[in-house]
Structure formats: structure tokens, C-alpha cells
Protein backbone atom coordinates (compact mmCIF):
# COMPACT_ATOMS: atom_id res chain seq x y z
CA MET A 1 -118.93 -7.36 147.86
CA LYS A 2 -122.59 -6.55 147.12
CA ILE A 3 -123.71 -2.95 147.73
CA ALA A 4 -127.34 -2.01 148.01
CA VAL A 5 -129.18 1.25 148.93
CA HIS A 6 -132.18 1.32 151.11
CA ALA A 7 -134.22 4.59 151.05
CA VAL A 8 -137.18 5.82 153.02
CA GLY A 9 -139.48 7.65 150.55
CA ARG A 10 -140.22 7.07 146.91
CA MET A 11 -138.52 9.20 144.26
CA LYS A 12 -140.86 10.22 141.55
CA ALA A 13 -139.91 10.35 137.80
CA GLY A 14 -137.97 13.45 136.93
CA PRO A 15 -134.40 14.76 136.50
CA GLU A 16 -133.25 13.79 139.99
CA ARG A 17 -134.36 10.16 139.53
CA GLU A 18 -132.71 10.08 136.07
CA LEU A 19 -129.43 11.43 137.38
CA ALA A 20 -129.39 8.90 140.33
CA ASP A 21 -130.23 6.02 137.92
CA ARG A 22 -127.50 7.09 135.59
CA TYR A 23 -124.83 7.03 138.38
CA LEU A 24 -126.13 3.73 139.81
CA ASP A 25 -125.99 2.22 136.31
CA ARG A 26 -122.39 3.44 135.91
CA PHE A 27 -121.58 1.93 139.33
CA ALA A 28 -123.21 -1.41 138.27
CA ARG A 29 -121.06 -1.54 135.09
CA ALA A 30 -117.81 -0.31 136.68
CA GLY A 31 -117.97 -2.19 139.93
CA PRO A 32 -117.38 -5.79 139.17
CA PRO A 33 -113.78 -5.51 138.08
CA VAL A 34 -112.88 -4.07 141.47
CA GLY A 35 -115.06 -6.48 143.36
CA LEU A 36 -118.11 -4.42 143.90
CA GLU A 37 -121.49 -5.64 142.80
CA TRP A 38 -124.61 -3.54 142.56
CA ALA A 39 -127.37 -5.33 144.65
CA GLY A 40 -130.12 -2.81 143.95
CA LEU A 41 -132.28 -0.01 145.44
CA THR A 42 -135.12 -0.61 147.90
CA GLU A 43 -137.59 2.10 148.45
CA MET A 44 -139.71 1.95 151.64
CA ALA A 45 -142.80 4.15 152.29
CA GLU A 46 -142.48 6.63 155.16
CA SER A 47 -143.95 5.49 158.46
CA ARG A 48 -147.44 6.81 159.32
CA ALA A 49 -146.86 6.69 163.03
CA GLN A 50 -147.95 9.75 165.00
CA SER A 51 -144.67 10.97 166.62
CA ALA A 52 -141.28 11.47 165.09
CA ALA A 53 -139.77 8.95 167.60
CA GLU A 54 -142.39 6.30 166.59
CA ARG A 55 -141.75 6.93 162.94
CA LYS A 56 -137.97 6.62 163.36
CA ARG A 57 -138.39 3.40 165.41
CA ASP A 58 -140.81 1.89 162.77
CA GLU A 59 -138.43 2.76 159.89
CA ALA A 60 -135.45 1.39 161.86
CA GLN A 61 -137.26 -1.97 162.32
CA ARG A 62 -138.07 -2.18 158.63
CA LEU A 63 -134.36 -1.22 157.79
CA GLU A 64 -133.20 -4.05 160.07
CA THR A 65 -135.44 -6.49 158.26
CA ALA A 66 -134.17 -5.32 154.90
CA ALA A 67 -130.50 -5.61 155.85
CA ALA A 68 -128.94 -8.99 155.16
CA ALA A 69 -127.40 -10.75 158.17
CA GLY A 70 -123.82 -9.57 158.51
CA ALA A 71 -124.17 -6.69 156.07
CA ALA A 72 -122.12 -3.63 156.94
CA LEU A 73 -124.73 -0.81 157.48
CA VAL A 74 -123.86 2.72 156.47
CA ILE A 75 -126.33 5.35 157.65
CA LEU A 76 -126.52 8.75 156.05
CA ASP A 77 -127.03 11.42 158.65
CA GLU A 78 -125.93 15.05 158.90
CA ARG A 79 -124.35 14.30 162.23
CA GLY A 80 -122.09 11.58 160.88
CA ARG A 81 -118.45 11.49 159.70
CA ASN A 82 -117.67 13.87 156.86
CA LEU A 83 -115.24 11.88 154.71
CA SER A 84 -113.52 12.89 151.59
CA SER A 85 -114.28 10.82 148.46
CA GLU A 86 -110.91 9.22 148.73
CA ALA A 87 -111.45 8.24 152.39
CA LEU A 88 -114.96 6.81 151.58
CA ALA A 89 -113.44 4.81 148.72
CA SER A 90 -110.67 3.50 150.92
CA TRP A 91 -113.18 2.55 153.62
CA ILE A 92 -115.34 0.64 151.14
CA GLY A 93 -112.17 -1.06 149.73
CA GLU A 94 -110.92 -2.05 153.13
CA ARG A 95 -114.30 -3.76 154.01
CA ARG A 96 -114.17 -5.53 150.63
CA ASP A 97 -110.63 -6.64 151.22
CA GLN A 98 -111.50 -7.83 154.74
CA GLY A 99 -114.06 -10.21 153.22
CA GLN A 100 -117.27 -8.14 153.91
CA ARG A 101 -119.80 -9.73 151.54
CA GLU A 102 -122.58 -7.11 151.74
CA MET A 103 -122.96 -3.39 152.51
CA LEU A 104 -126.19 -1.46 152.83
CA PHE A 105 -126.36 2.32 152.53
CA ALA A 106 -129.45 3.68 154.20
CA ILE A 107 -131.13 7.14 153.53
CA GLY A 108 -133.63 7.95 156.19
CA GLY A 109 -136.90 9.69 156.10
CA PRO A 110 -137.73 13.33 156.93
CA ASP A 111 -137.29 12.59 160.69
CA GLY A 112 -133.87 10.86 160.16
CA HIS A 113 -132.69 7.70 161.67
CA ALA A 114 -133.38 6.16 165.11
CA GLU A 115 -130.46 6.13 167.50
CA ASP A 116 -130.42 2.36 167.64
CA ALA A 117 -129.85 2.15 163.88
CA ALA A 118 -127.03 4.60 164.19
CA ARG A 119 -125.43 2.63 166.97
CA LYS A 120 -125.60 -0.55 164.92
CA ALA A 121 -124.09 1.09 161.80
CA ALA A 122 -120.60 0.31 160.66
CA LEU A 123 -120.39 3.98 159.50
CA VAL A 124 -122.56 7.00 159.98
CA LEU A 125 -121.72 9.14 156.95
CA SER A 126 -122.53 12.83 156.48
CA PHE A 127 -122.49 14.84 153.25
CA GLY A 128 -121.91 17.89 155.39
CA SER A 129 -123.84 19.65 158.15
CA LEU A 130 -126.51 20.95 155.76
CA THR A 131 -129.81 19.08 155.50
CA TRP A 132 -130.25 17.75 152.00
CA PRO A 133 -133.65 16.80 150.33
CA HIS A 134 -134.14 13.04 149.96
CA GLN A 135 -133.76 13.28 146.18
CA LEU A 136 -130.52 15.09 146.22
CA ALA A 137 -129.04 12.85 148.98
CA ARG A 138 -129.84 9.85 146.68
CA VAL A 139 -128.19 11.55 143.79
CA MET A 140 -125.13 12.40 145.87
CA LEU A 141 -124.84 8.87 147.20
CA ALA A 142 -125.17 7.31 143.78
CA GLU A 143 -122.40 9.63 142.46
CA GLN A 144 -120.17 8.87 145.38
CA LEU A 145 -120.57 5.13 144.95
CA TYR A 146 -119.57 5.50 141.27
CA ARG A 147 -116.72 7.81 142.25
CA ALA A 148 -115.48 5.19 144.81
CA VAL A 149 -115.27 2.59 142.04
CA THR A 150 -113.37 4.94 139.73
CA ILE A 151 -110.94 5.77 142.66
CA LEU A 152 -110.51 2.06 143.55
CA SER A 153 -109.81 1.23 139.86
CA GLY A 154 -107.48 4.19 139.18
CA HIS A 155 -109.86 5.57 136.56
CA PRO A 156 -109.32 9.31 135.79
CA TYR A 157 -112.91 10.37 136.60
CA HIS A 158 -111.79 11.49 140.07
CA ARG A 159 -109.20 14.26 139.63
CA ALA A 160 -108.26 15.26 143.13
């Protein structure tokens, strides 16, 4: 199964980008033996629409265009489900085992995601009820994708 990340906003060079890249590289190398392939990261500029609702609607339309037909969409949102690392790995593994070919994780802009996008998502995922900066959300997602691969492969990285 191919896994991609779609992010609203561009991450500048610096320690956060380096850390996210390090985990995504680890994911790319460790994923194929367990049937997970890194399909890349797409960055999209924030919408310049006047209102938050218009910006979310515009970003949702661009997200829909970026998602491959039939891809399982995972939206990151503070109001989503708060899963353990094991539960997220299991959820990803179940989709893979059911024949899901593509999965897209979406990090929204400062205004969050449109309700339509969340309704279309296979999973609305939360990293807790706190609001995280875009850069840290990307690092945490990259690390959790790598952790999911290690859990699915039985690698000792995850020691719960």
C-alpha cells in the first residue's frame, strides 16, 4: 500500500524539517518488507481566501484533487480519534490487508479542515486535544508512520 502525506503550508529548512525528513526516510526504507511504500510528501500553499470557511473549502478542494481515486484519507484534526501507536499501526495494517492500495494523510492549514473533508475521511486522527504547530504535527506524523512500520514488523523500536 502506498502512503503519502499532504500538508497545507510549506516547511522551511531547519531542525523540524530535518527531523521529519529523517523519520520519513526511515519509513521509506523500513516499509516495503511489510507492504507499505512511501509515496511522497506534497506541500500546498495556504489559501488566500478572505474568510476561514472559504479557506477551508478551497484547501479541501485542492486536497480532493491531490487524493488518488479510492485512496483512504486520514485527516489530522484535534477533534479526531486519539489512537495509541499500536491501534494506529493495526488500523493501517488492516487497510493494507484488505487490499487498500493508497492512503493519504492530510495536515490542514491554520484554520483546520473543512467539514466535508472530515466526512469523507476514512479516519479523523488526533494527536491529542492540544493544538500543535504545523511543523511539529508533521514531525509527529512522520515518527508515527515509522513507528507503525516497526510495530507491524515486530522491530524493537516500539517498546510499549
